[in-house]
Amino acid sequence: MEFYESPSISMTKRQEETPLAPSMKISEWIIVLILTCIPILNLIMLIIWSLDERGNPNRRSFAQAVLIFMAILLVLSSFYLGRMIGILYQIMALM
């Protein structure tokens, strides 16, 4: 004889079955932050961490967010640098 399971019970079972990501220790976060302070190495490590499927998902999400932020800053800074160069060329043309 089969009993009907209410949706709340079946959803609770599914939530218990999905494993949670292990939280990173403070020492691991300090290592991550130190590595992201080193030029060139930070870009290499962020790319590795963002593509790593077996690594910690918290670190992967952090790396993806930082890479997106860096890309946005690169676009904005190149736009403003171009504007500044254009203004300098206009000033040089007036002399």
C-alpha atoms as a PDB file:
ATOM      1  CA  MET A   1       0.000   0.000   0.000  1.00  0.00           C
ATOM      2  CA  GLU A   2       1.445   3.373  -1.065  1.00  0.00           C
ATOM      3  CA  PHE A   3       0.935   6.590   0.832  1.00  0.00           C
ATOM      4  CA  TYR A   4       0.709  10.034  -0.679  1.00  0.00           C
ATOM      5  CA  GLU A   5       3.619  12.296   0.277  1.00  0.00           C
ATOM      6  CA  SER A   6       2.838  15.953   0.687  1.00  0.00           C
ATOM      7  CA  PRO A   7       4.939  18.341  -1.427  1.00  0.00           C
ATOM      8  CA  SER A   8       6.597  19.845   1.636  1.00  0.00           C
ATOM      9  CA  ILE A   9       7.927  16.444   2.746  1.00  0.00           C
ATOM     10  CA  SER A  10       9.250  15.536  -0.698  1.00  0.00           C
ATOM     11  CA  MET A  11      10.903  18.964  -1.094  1.00  0.00           C
ATOM     12  CA  THR A  12      12.561  18.580   2.300  1.00  0.00           C
ATOM     13  CA  LYS A  13      13.996  15.232   1.242  1.00  0.00           C
ATOM     14  CA  ARG A  14      15.406  16.742  -1.956  1.00  0.00           C
ATOM     15  CA  GLN A  15      17.020  19.587  -0.054  1.00  0.00           C
ATOM     16  CA  GLU A  16      18.677  17.136   2.317  1.00  0.00           C
ATOM     17  CA  GLU A  17      20.060  15.092  -0.586  1.00  0.00           C
ATOM     18  CA  THR A  18      21.825  17.980  -2.325  1.00  0.00           C
ATOM     19  CA  PRO A  19      25.276  18.418  -0.783  1.00  0.00           C
ATOM     20  CA  LEU A  20      26.273  21.884   0.329  1.00  0.00           C
ATOM     21  CA  ALA A  21      29.561  23.393  -0.732  1.00  0.00           C
ATOM     22  CA  PRO A  22      32.181  23.295   1.998  1.00  0.00           C
ATOM     23  CA  SER A  23      32.858  26.752   3.369  1.00  0.00           C
ATOM     24  CA  MET A  24      36.350  28.075   2.911  1.00  0.00           C
ATOM     25  CA  LYS A  25      38.488  28.745   5.969  1.00  0.00           C
ATOM     26  CA  ILE A  26      39.843  32.187   6.726  1.00  0.00           C
ATOM     27  CA  SER A  27      43.363  31.013   5.894  1.00  0.00           C
ATOM     28  CA  GLU A  28      42.180  29.885   2.439  1.00  0.00           C
ATOM     29  CA  TRP A  29      40.547  33.278   1.819  1.00  0.00           C
ATOM     30  CA  ILE A  30      43.749  35.048   2.896  1.00  0.00           C
ATOM     31  CA  ILE A  31      45.722  32.976   0.373  1.00  0.00           C
ATOM     32  CA  VAL A  32      43.176  33.846  -2.327  1.00  0.00           C
ATOM     33  CA  LEU A  33      43.409  37.559  -1.530  1.00  0.00           C
ATOM     34  CA  ILE A  34      47.222  37.514  -1.462  1.00  0.00           C
ATOM     35  CA  LEU A  35      47.342  35.771  -4.847  1.00  0.00           C
ATOM     36  CA  THR A  36      44.904  38.288  -6.331  1.00  0.00           C
ATOM     37  CA  CYS A  37      47.209  41.154  -5.245  1.00  0.00           C
ATOM     38  CA  ILE A  38      50.122  39.929  -7.382  1.00  0.00           C
ATOM     39  CA  PRO A  39      50.025  41.356 -10.931  1.00  0.00           C
ATOM     40  CA  ILE A  40      49.728  38.886 -13.849  1.00  0.00           C
ATOM     41  CA  LEU A  41      49.484  35.973 -11.422  1.00  0.00           C
ATOM     42  CA  ASN A  42      46.085  37.253 -10.280  1.00  0.00           C
ATOM     43  CA  LEU A  43      44.692  37.052 -13.798  1.00  0.00           C
ATOM     44  CA  ILE A  44      46.072  33.555 -14.334  1.00  0.00           C
ATOM     45  CA  MET A  45      44.748  32.280 -10.998  1.00  0.00           C
ATOM     46  CA  LEU A  46      41.327  33.888 -11.475  1.00  0.00           C
ATOM     47  CA  ILE A  47      40.962  32.201 -14.863  1.00  0.00           C
ATOM     48  CA  ILE A  48      42.030  28.841 -13.410  1.00  0.00           C
ATOM     49  CA  TRP A  49      39.649  29.155 -10.449  1.00  0.00           C
ATOM     50  CA  SER A  50      36.724  30.292 -12.590  1.00  0.00           C
ATOM     51  CA  LEU A  51      37.086  27.285 -14.921  1.00  0.00           C
ATOM     52  CA  ASP A  52      37.719  24.708 -12.188  1.00  0.00           C
ATOM     53  CA  GLU A  53      34.641  22.470 -11.925  1.00  0.00           C
ATOM     54  CA  ARG A  54      35.964  20.337  -9.066  1.00  0.00           C
ATOM     55  CA  GLY A  55      37.176  23.218  -6.901  1.00  0.00           C
ATOM     56  CA  ASN A  56      35.258  25.093  -4.248  1.00  0.00           C
ATOM     57  CA  PRO A  57      32.146  26.691  -5.810  1.00  0.00           C
ATOM     58  CA  ASN A  58      32.484  29.715  -3.518  1.00  0.00           C
ATOM     59  CA  ARG A  59      35.966  30.451  -4.859  1.00  0.00           C
ATOM     60  CA  ARG A  60      34.765  29.787  -8.433  1.00  0.00           C
ATOM     61  CA  SER A  61      31.937  32.311  -8.059  1.00  0.00           C
ATOM     62  CA  PHE A  62      34.316  34.838  -6.502  1.00  0.00           C
ATOM     63  CA  ALA A  63      36.767  34.422  -9.394  1.00  0.00           C
ATOM     64  CA  GLN A  64      34.017  34.809 -12.003  1.00  0.00           C
ATOM     65  CA  ALA A  65      32.702  37.948 -10.291  1.00  0.00           C
ATOM     66  CA  VAL A  66      36.174  39.496 -10.108  1.00  0.00           C
ATOM     67  CA  LEU A  67      36.850  38.720 -13.792  1.00  0.00           C
ATOM     68  CA  ILE A  68      33.555  40.334 -14.815  1.00  0.00           C
ATOM     69  CA  PHE A  69      34.358  43.363 -12.668  1.00  0.00           C
ATOM     70  CA  MET A  70      37.847  43.610 -14.197  1.00  0.00           C
ATOM     71  CA  ALA A  71      36.382  43.428 -17.716  1.00  0.00           C
ATOM     72  CA  ILE A  72      33.944  46.241 -16.935  1.00  0.00           C
ATOM     73  CA  LEU A  73      36.745  48.369 -15.489  1.00  0.00           C
ATOM     74  CA  LEU A  74      38.907  47.686 -18.552  1.00  0.00           C
ATOM     75  CA  VAL A  75      36.155  48.876 -20.905  1.00  0.00           C
ATOM     76  CA  LEU A  76      35.423  51.988 -18.827  1.00  0.00           C
ATOM     77  CA  SER A  77      39.088  52.905 -18.412  1.00  0.00           C
ATOM     78  CA  SER A  78      39.807  52.477 -22.123  1.00  0.00           C
ATOM     79  CA  PHE A  79      36.836  54.721 -22.921  1.00  0.00           C
ATOM     80  CA  TYR A  80      38.071  57.447 -20.568  1.00  0.00           C
ATOM     81  CA  LEU A  81      41.673  57.078 -21.741  1.00  0.00           C
ATOM     82  CA  GLY A  82      40.502  57.535 -25.329  1.00  0.00           C
ATOM     83  CA  ARG A  83      38.602  60.654 -24.330  1.00  0.00           C
ATOM     84  CA  MET A  84      41.688  62.076 -22.607  1.00  0.00           C
ATOM     85  CA  ILE A  85      43.910  61.390 -25.608  1.00  0.00           C
ATOM     86  CA  GLY A  86      41.317  63.062 -27.833  1.00  0.00           C
ATOM     87  CA  ILE A  87      41.289  66.141 -25.609  1.00  0.00           C
ATOM     88  CA  LEU A  88      45.111  66.271 -25.644  1.00  0.00           C
ATOM     89  CA  TYR A  89      45.148  66.102 -29.448  1.00  0.00           C
ATOM     90  CA  GLN A  90      42.671  68.988 -29.597  1.00  0.00           C
ATOM     91  CA  ILE A  91      44.834  71.062 -27.245  1.00  0.00           C
ATOM     92  CA  MET A  92      47.947  70.276 -29.324  1.00  0.00           C
ATOM     93  CA  ALA A  93      46.117  71.304 -32.506  1.00  0.00           C
ATOM     94  CA  LEU A  94      45.333  74.722 -31.025  1.00  0.00           C
ATOM     95  CA  MET A  95      49.002  75.513 -30.362  1.00  0.00           C
END
